[in-house]
Amino acid sequence: MKTLIVEATLKLILVLASMFSLASCRGDHGNTGTTDSRDSLIAMHDARLLEISEHKEFTEVRITNPWDTTQLLDKYILVERDKPLPENLPDGVLLRVPLNKSLVYSSVHAGLLSELGSDSSIAGVCNASYIKDKKLKTRIDAGLVADCGPDLSPDIEKIIMLGPDAILLSPFESNTQYGKVKGIGIPLVQCADYMEPTPLGRAEWIRFFGRLTGKAAEADSMFMITRQRYLSLKDKAQKSANRPSVLFDRQYGATWDVPTARSTIGILIEDAGGKNPFASEPKPGSATLDPEQVLAKAHNADVWLVRYYQDNEKTLAELRTDNPINSQFDPLKKGNVYGCNTKKVDFFEQTPFHPDLLLEDLINILHPENSTTSANLHFFKKMNP
């Protein structure tokens, strides 16, 4: 899957690298260069929480606090590993790059480092059982990558013995959840990409990871290819007069989380030329509703997309028996349900930094008149009876 886009666009890479070089002295969405640490801002096209400034002797990365955008979450000073440490560096967390011995909490970021060709820099992971990347799984099985336990309660002694040069983790609104790992003196790289408000905003964080791994040009090109393809697909979808309504996921426990207009999935549905029955919900992200509320608003949806995690492929019959309310939705009655088995498909690993692939799936499902066959879907497949 990773080569589907790159193989078709190899000729763009040198052009894109020069484009980003030319753009490095200006910044989109108000990031205009001024003095000192802000005079070499890299243009951010979609990311709102990430700011990168490149200088002769170091790179400065600023991450905006997603929960209080008037404040910084953290600031990192990246200095090339094989060069002397410059004098008078600005304040910030010092990172020698490329990282060569990192601990990565999330399978999403571990997979991205592997895609960048930096899997050998991963010394440890958390939640090893969820890793799907084949190269990384092989290294874990061979004992070349340490399993440091669950991300919410990692094995501190093992981490200390491992001695990584950085720990890549996803931040929480209250960083007290970092626990003891915050006090062992290893730099924490707070990967706030998941808090970006748009799919392309999150995807642009690949440019930060490229600078952590010494693959800046490759990462910049990968992002631009993804961005251009996403926007091209979106433009195609917006020309369709038909806008099918989409029911997403299913009830868990006593409630049902639905995507709002300001969620990543909600934006993807809109960009794919679909209609979100819950677009009017006021909050960003997802809204937690009673199943009866979901039924009232989306019983007549045209398509139902269901993510699940299990050994076997879910069927329409199984979906009916999962919960009595499911049979009352029109897509199940008509057999227009598509499933994504996240135990077998790398949905969560691929879609954050390749949202164009998910957008393509949605367009192929919602607008089959303009698409290829469903056999070309990346993540979803039509559910069998």
Protein backbone atom coordinates (compact mmCIF):
# COMPACT_ATOMS: atom_id res chain seq x y z
CA MET A 1 0.00 0.00 0.00
CA LYS A 2 2.84 2.36 0.88
CA THR A 3 4.18 2.25 -2.68
CA LEU A 4 0.87 2.95 -4.43
CA ILE A 5 1.38 6.68 -4.40
CA VAL A 6 5.16 6.96 -4.37
CA GLU A 7 5.74 4.77 -7.43
CA ALA A 8 3.43 6.96 -9.51
CA THR A 9 5.04 10.21 -8.42
CA LEU A 10 8.78 9.63 -8.15
CA LYS A 11 9.41 12.39 -10.66
CA LEU A 12 7.89 14.92 -8.29
CA ILE A 13 10.34 14.38 -5.46
CA LEU A 14 13.22 16.54 -6.72
CA VAL A 15 10.80 19.30 -7.71
CA LEU A 16 9.05 19.17 -4.35
CA ALA A 17 12.32 19.28 -2.44
CA SER A 18 13.23 22.49 -4.23
CA MET A 19 9.73 23.89 -3.59
CA PHE A 20 10.08 23.39 0.14
CA SER A 21 13.55 24.90 0.09
CA LEU A 22 12.20 28.02 -1.58
CA ALA A 23 9.31 28.15 0.88
CA SER A 24 11.51 27.93 3.95
CA CYS A 25 11.71 31.66 4.47
CA ARG A 26 8.00 32.26 4.78
CA GLY A 27 5.20 30.85 6.88
CA ASP A 28 1.52 30.25 6.13
CA HIS A 29 -1.35 31.10 8.54
CA GLY A 30 0.47 34.08 10.05
CA ASN A 31 3.92 32.56 10.57
CA THR A 32 5.89 35.52 9.20
CA GLY A 33 9.58 35.58 9.97
CA THR A 34 10.93 38.27 12.26
CA THR A 35 14.20 37.90 14.17
CA ASP A 36 16.38 35.33 15.90
CA SER A 37 14.57 32.00 16.36
CA ARG A 38 11.65 33.05 14.10
CA ASP A 39 13.54 34.27 11.03
CA SER A 40 13.68 30.97 9.14
CA LEU A 41 10.17 29.55 9.51
CA ILE A 42 9.22 26.64 7.30
CA ALA A 43 5.88 27.10 5.55
CA MET A 44 3.18 25.02 7.21
CA HIS A 45 0.36 24.34 4.78
CA ASP A 46 -2.15 22.64 7.09
CA ALA A 47 -0.68 21.96 10.55
CA ARG A 48 -1.84 24.41 13.20
CA LEU A 49 0.05 23.09 16.21
CA LEU A 50 3.49 22.71 14.63
CA GLU A 51 6.10 25.35 13.85
CA ILE A 52 9.57 24.58 12.48
CA SER A 53 12.42 27.08 12.11
CA GLU A 54 15.63 25.97 10.42
CA HIS A 55 18.93 27.68 11.15
CA LYS A 56 22.53 27.12 10.13
CA GLU A 57 23.47 25.22 13.30
CA PHE A 58 20.14 23.95 14.65
CA THR A 59 16.43 23.49 14.02
CA GLU A 60 13.84 24.84 16.44
CA VAL A 61 10.47 23.11 16.72
CA ARG A 62 7.60 24.72 18.63
CA ILE A 63 4.48 22.78 19.52
CA THR A 64 1.36 24.72 20.46
CA ASN A 65 -0.62 23.47 23.43
CA PRO A 66 -3.79 21.97 21.89
CA TRP A 67 -5.80 22.69 25.05
CA ASP A 68 -4.62 26.31 25.38
CA THR A 69 -3.42 27.62 22.04
CA THR A 70 -2.04 30.79 23.65
CA GLN A 71 0.68 28.64 25.23
CA LEU A 72 3.46 26.37 24.02
CA LEU A 73 3.26 22.69 24.86
CA ASP A 74 7.00 22.31 24.33
CA LYS A 75 9.96 23.54 22.33
CA TYR A 76 12.73 21.37 20.89
CA ILE A 77 16.20 22.30 19.70
CA LEU A 78 17.50 19.80 17.15
CA VAL A 79 21.26 19.69 16.60
CA GLU A 80 22.96 17.30 14.20
CA ARG A 81 24.58 14.47 16.08
CA ASP A 82 27.95 14.60 14.32
CA LYS A 83 28.50 18.34 14.81
CA PRO A 84 29.80 20.23 17.86
CA LEU A 85 27.15 21.68 20.15
CA PRO A 86 26.71 25.35 19.19
CA GLU A 87 27.08 28.07 21.77
CA ASN A 88 24.17 30.25 22.88
CA LEU A 89 21.42 27.86 21.84
CA PRO A 90 17.88 29.06 22.64
CA ASP A 91 15.98 27.46 25.49
CA GLY A 92 14.26 24.17 24.75
CA VAL A 93 14.63 20.41 24.97
CA LEU A 94 17.90 19.50 23.28
CA LEU A 95 17.73 16.57 20.86
CA ARG A 96 20.69 15.22 18.95
CA VAL A 97 19.46 14.12 15.54
CA PRO A 98 19.00 11.87 13.81
CA LEU A 99 17.68 9.93 16.78
CA ASN A 100 19.41 6.56 16.86
CA LYS A 101 17.90 4.91 19.95
CA SER A 102 14.33 5.99 20.57
CA LEU A 103 11.48 4.52 22.59
CA VAL A 104 8.19 4.89 20.71
CA TYR A 105 4.92 4.57 22.62
CA SER A 106 2.49 4.46 19.69
CA SER A 107 2.29 1.94 16.85
CA VAL A 108 1.23 4.87 14.66
CA HIS A 109 4.54 6.69 15.13
CA ALA A 110 6.56 3.46 15.08
CA GLY A 111 5.05 2.61 11.71
CA LEU A 112 5.79 6.09 10.39
CA LEU A 113 9.48 5.86 11.42
CA SER A 114 9.64 2.51 9.66
CA GLU A 115 8.09 4.02 6.53
CA LEU A 116 10.74 6.74 6.60
CA GLY A 117 13.39 4.01 6.59
CA SER A 118 14.34 4.68 10.22
CA ASP A 119 13.07 1.49 11.83
CA SER A 120 16.62 0.68 12.96
CA SER A 121 16.51 3.78 15.19
CA ILE A 122 13.65 2.28 17.25
CA ALA A 123 15.17 0.64 20.32
CA GLY A 124 11.95 0.06 22.22
CA VAL A 125 8.18 0.18 21.88
CA CYS A 126 5.13 0.09 24.09
CA ASN A 127 2.08 -2.06 23.32
CA ALA A 128 4.20 -4.39 21.18
CA SER A 129 1.25 -6.70 20.51
CA TYR A 130 -0.42 -3.95 18.47
CA ILE A 131 2.53 -3.42 16.14
CA LYS A 132 1.59 -4.43 12.58
CA ASP A 133 4.64 -3.21 10.65
CA LYS A 134 6.35 -6.39 9.42
CA LYS A 135 9.92 -5.11 9.62
CA LEU A 136 9.41 -3.86 13.15
CA LYS A 137 7.62 -7.03 14.28
CA THR A 138 10.57 -9.08 13.02
CA ARG A 139 12.98 -6.95 15.04
CA ILE A 140 10.80 -7.23 18.14
CA ASP A 141 10.57 -11.03 17.78
CA ALA A 142 14.36 -11.20 17.36
CA GLY A 143 14.91 -9.22 20.57
CA LEU A 144 16.40 -6.26 18.72
CA VAL A 145 13.58 -3.98 19.90
CA ALA A 146 12.53 -4.03 23.56
CA ASP A 147 8.91 -4.38 24.61
CA CYS A 148 8.57 -1.82 27.40
CA GLY A 149 5.01 -2.75 28.34
CA PRO A 150 1.76 -0.79 28.07
CA ASP A 151 2.02 2.93 27.36
CA LEU A 152 -0.01 3.94 30.43
CA SER A 153 2.22 1.94 32.79
CA PRO A 154 5.53 1.23 31.05
CA ASP A 155 8.35 -0.78 32.63
CA ILE A 156 10.51 2.02 34.05
CA GLU A 157 13.43 -0.26 34.94
CA LYS A 158 13.53 -1.63 31.41
CA ILE A 159 13.44 1.90 29.99
CA ILE A 160 16.34 2.98 32.20
CA MET A 161 18.35 -0.08 31.13
CA LEU A 162 17.50 0.61 27.49
CA GLY A 163 18.75 4.20 27.79
CA PRO A 164 16.96 5.73 24.80
CA ASP A 165 18.00 9.16 23.56
CA ALA A 166 14.32 10.21 23.40
CA ILE A 167 10.83 8.92 24.20
CA LEU A 168 8.15 9.65 21.61
CA LEU A 169 4.70 9.76 23.18
CA SER A 170 1.29 11.34 22.71
CA PRO A 171 0.52 14.14 25.18
CA PHE A 172 -2.49 14.31 27.47
CA GLU A 173 -4.26 17.43 28.67
CA SER A 174 -2.82 16.64 32.10
CA ASN A 175 0.73 15.34 31.69
CA THR A 176 0.57 13.78 35.15
CA GLN A 177 -0.32 10.63 33.21
CA TYR A 178 3.34 10.39 32.13
CA GLY A 179 4.00 9.04 35.60
CA LYS A 180 7.54 8.09 36.61
CA VAL A 181 8.88 8.27 33.06
CA LYS A 182 8.90 12.06 33.31
CA GLY A 183 11.47 11.98 36.09
CA ILE A 184 14.17 9.69 34.67
CA GLY A 185 15.95 12.37 32.64
CA ILE A 186 15.18 11.15 29.14
CA PRO A 187 13.79 13.80 26.74
CA LEU A 188 10.07 13.40 26.08
CA VAL A 189 8.96 14.27 22.55
CA GLN A 190 5.28 15.15 22.78
CA CYS A 191 3.68 14.02 19.53
CA ALA A 192 0.51 16.13 19.49
CA ASP A 193 -0.31 15.33 15.87
CA TYR A 194 -3.52 13.54 16.87
CA MET A 195 -4.90 16.84 18.19
CA GLU A 196 -4.70 18.57 14.79
CA PRO A 197 -8.20 19.62 13.66
CA THR A 198 -7.89 18.41 10.04
CA PRO A 199 -6.66 15.25 8.30
CA LEU A 200 -3.99 17.09 6.33
CA GLY A 201 -2.97 19.02 9.44
CA ARG A 202 -2.08 15.77 11.17
CA ALA A 203 -0.42 14.37 8.06
CA GLU A 204 1.92 17.38 7.91
CA TRP A 205 3.54 16.27 11.16
CA ILE A 206 5.51 13.80 9.08
CA ARG A 207 7.78 16.79 8.43
CA PHE A 208 8.67 16.94 12.14
CA PHE A 209 9.41 13.21 12.22
CA GLY A 210 11.55 13.63 9.12
CA ARG A 211 13.71 16.12 10.98
CA LEU A 212 13.98 13.83 13.99
CA THR A 213 15.25 11.02 11.77
CA GLY A 214 17.47 12.90 9.32
CA LYS A 215 14.93 12.38 6.52
CA ALA A 216 13.63 15.93 6.13
CA ALA A 217 13.62 16.02 2.31
CA GLU A 218 11.94 12.62 2.04
CA ALA A 219 9.32 13.54 4.63
CA ASP A 220 8.56 16.89 2.99
CA SER A 221 8.09 15.18 -0.36
CA MET A 222 5.91 12.44 1.11
CA PHE A 223 3.65 15.03 2.68
CA MET A 224 3.34 17.13 -0.46
CA ILE A 225 2.48 14.06 -2.54
CA THR A 226 -0.16 13.07 0.02
CA ARG A 227 -1.53 16.62 0.14
CA GLN A 228 -1.75 17.06 -3.61
CA ARG A 229 -3.45 13.71 -4.04
CA TYR A 230 -5.92 14.43 -1.22
CA LEU A 231 -6.90 17.79 -2.69
CA SER A 232 -7.26 16.29 -6.17
CA LEU A 233 -9.56 13.54 -4.84
CA LYS A 234 -11.57 16.08 -2.85
CA ASP A 235 -12.03 18.30 -5.91
CA LYS A 236 -13.29 15.31 -7.90
CA ALA A 237 -15.74 14.30 -5.16
CA GLN A 238 -17.18 17.80 -4.78
CA LYS A 239 -18.35 17.72 -8.41
CA SER A 240 -20.79 14.90 -7.66
CA ALA A 241 -24.39 16.04 -7.32
CA ASN A 242 -25.28 13.06 -5.13
CA ARG A 243 -24.35 13.31 -1.44
CA PRO A 244 -25.04 9.98 0.33
CA SER A 245 -25.42 10.09 4.12
CA VAL A 246 -22.95 8.09 6.18
CA LEU A 247 -23.43 6.29 9.49
CA PHE A 248 -20.08 5.65 11.17
CA ASP A 249 -19.04 2.99 13.71
CA ARG A 250 -21.48 1.42 16.19
CA GLN A 251 -22.65 1.33 19.78
CA TYR A 252 -20.11 0.43 22.45
CA GLY A 253 -21.43 -0.16 25.92
CA ALA A 254 -24.43 2.07 26.54
CA THR A 255 -23.46 4.87 24.15
CA TRP A 256 -22.49 5.58 20.54
CA ASP A 257 -19.70 7.99 19.58
CA VAL A 258 -20.49 9.78 16.33
CA PRO A 259 -18.27 12.13 14.29
CA THR A 260 -19.15 15.82 14.33
CA ALA A 261 -18.48 18.28 11.52
CA ARG A 262 -15.23 19.33 13.21
CA SER A 263 -13.86 15.81 13.60
CA THR A 264 -11.33 14.19 11.29
CA ILE A 265 -13.90 11.63 10.13
CA GLY A 266 -16.55 14.32 9.74
CA ILE A 267 -14.22 16.36 7.51
CA LEU A 268 -13.34 13.26 5.47
CA ILE A 269 -17.03 12.47 4.92
CA GLU A 270 -17.64 16.04 3.73
CA ASP A 271 -14.53 16.04 1.51
CA ALA A 272 -15.62 12.71 -0.02
CA GLY A 273 -18.90 14.26 -1.12
CA GLY A 274 -20.95 12.65 1.63
CA LYS A 275 -23.39 13.91 4.23
CA ASN A 276 -22.83 13.51 7.97
CA PRO A 277 -26.11 13.14 9.92
CA PHE A 278 -24.36 14.54 13.00
CA ALA A 279 -22.70 17.57 11.45
CA SER A 280 -24.86 19.87 13.60
CA GLU A 281 -23.42 18.53 16.86
CA PRO A 282 -21.63 21.54 18.36
CA LYS A 283 -18.48 20.02 19.85
CA PRO A 284 -15.26 19.18 17.97
CA GLY A 285 -14.18 15.56 17.66
CA SER A 286 -16.87 13.02 18.48
CA ALA A 287 -20.18 13.39 20.28
CA THR A 288 -21.38 10.71 22.69
CA LEU A 289 -25.07 9.96 22.14
CA ASP A 290 -27.66 7.46 23.26
CA PRO A 291 -28.25 4.79 20.58
CA GLU A 292 -31.85 5.98 20.27
CA GLN A 293 -30.60 9.46 19.34
CA VAL A 294 -28.39 7.94 16.65
CA LEU A 295 -31.31 5.91 15.33
CA ALA A 296 -33.55 8.99 15.17
CA LYS A 297 -31.02 10.97 13.10
CA ALA A 298 -29.40 8.27 10.98
CA HIS A 299 -31.86 5.38 10.57
CA ASN A 300 -32.18 6.23 6.87
CA ALA A 301 -28.46 6.63 6.17
CA ASP A 302 -27.31 5.43 2.76
CA VAL A 303 -24.07 3.78 3.88
CA TRP A 304 -22.81 2.33 7.17
CA LEU A 305 -19.06 2.13 7.84
CA VAL A 306 -18.09 -0.10 10.77
CA ARG A 307 -14.67 -0.50 12.32
CA TYR A 308 -14.14 -3.56 14.49
CA TYR A 309 -11.33 -5.68 15.95
CA GLN A 310 -11.68 -9.46 15.85
CA ASP A 311 -10.17 -12.62 14.36
CA ASN A 312 -12.88 -13.28 11.78
CA GLU A 313 -14.50 -10.96 9.26
CA LYS A 314 -17.77 -9.58 10.60
CA THR A 315 -20.92 -10.38 8.61
CA LEU A 316 -24.30 -8.67 8.29
CA ALA A 317 -25.83 -11.51 10.29
CA GLU A 318 -23.34 -11.00 13.10
CA LEU A 319 -23.94 -7.24 13.06
CA ARG A 320 -27.65 -7.93 13.55
CA THR A 321 -26.99 -10.15 16.55
CA ASP A 322 -24.48 -7.73 18.08
CA ASN A 323 -27.28 -5.40 19.11
CA PRO A 324 -31.04 -5.42 18.40
CA ILE A 325 -31.00 -1.73 17.42
CA ASN A 326 -28.69 -2.42 14.47
CA SER A 327 -31.44 -4.08 12.44
CA GLN A 328 -33.43 -0.84 12.43
CA PHE A 329 -30.90 1.01 10.27
CA ASP A 330 -31.61 1.10 6.53
CA PRO A 331 -28.03 0.30 5.40
CA LEU A 332 -28.15 -3.01 7.25
CA LYS A 333 -31.58 -3.79 5.82
CA LYS A 334 -30.25 -3.10 2.32
CA GLY A 335 -26.85 -4.73 2.85
CA ASN A 336 -24.95 -1.50 2.24
CA VAL A 337 -22.48 -1.93 5.11
CA TYR A 338 -18.70 -1.77 4.81
CA GLY A 339 -16.42 -3.17 7.49
CA CYS A 340 -12.81 -2.49 8.47
CA ASN A 341 -11.22 -5.17 10.65
CA THR A 342 -8.51 -3.19 12.42
CA LYS A 343 -6.94 -6.39 13.74
CA LYS A 344 -5.96 -7.30 10.19
CA VAL A 345 -5.88 -3.94 8.43
CA ASP A 346 -3.44 -1.18 9.38
CA PHE A 347 -6.15 1.50 9.49
CA PHE A 348 -4.87 3.36 12.55
CA GLU A 349 -1.26 3.15 11.40
CA GLN A 350 -1.79 4.33 7.81
CA THR A 351 -4.61 6.85 7.85
CA PRO A 352 -3.07 9.51 10.15
CA PHE A 353 -0.27 10.29 7.67
CA HIS A 354 -1.96 9.06 4.48
CA PRO A 355 -5.51 10.44 4.76
CA ASP A 356 -5.72 10.43 0.96
CA LEU A 357 -6.03 6.63 1.08
CA LEU A 358 -9.02 6.82 3.42
CA LEU A 359 -10.55 9.62 1.37
CA GLU A 360 -10.20 7.44 -1.72
CA ASP A 361 -12.00 4.59 0.07
CA LEU A 362 -14.87 6.89 1.02
CA ILE A 363 -15.20 8.26 -2.50
CA ASN A 364 -15.19 4.77 -4.01
CA ILE A 365 -17.91 3.70 -1.56
CA LEU A 366 -20.09 6.81 -1.77
CA HIS A 367 -19.70 7.47 -5.49
CA PRO A 368 -19.23 4.10 -7.20
CA GLU A 369 -20.24 5.73 -10.47
CA ASN A 370 -16.92 7.62 -10.40
CA SER A 371 -14.76 4.95 -8.81
CA THR A 372 -12.93 1.75 -9.46
CA THR A 373 -14.18 -1.57 -8.09
CA SER A 374 -14.45 -2.21 -4.34
CA ALA A 375 -11.55 -4.67 -4.69
CA ASN A 376 -9.30 -1.59 -4.75
CA LEU A 377 -10.42 -0.34 -1.34
CA HIS A 378 -7.54 0.09 1.08
CA PHE A 379 -9.24 -0.39 4.43
CA PHE A 380 -12.94 -1.22 4.07
CA LYS A 381 -14.70 -4.07 2.29
CA LYS A 382 -18.38 -4.68 1.72
CA MET A 383 -19.75 -6.87 4.50
CA ASN A 384 -20.94 -10.31 3.46
CA PRO A 385 -24.38 -11.61 4.47
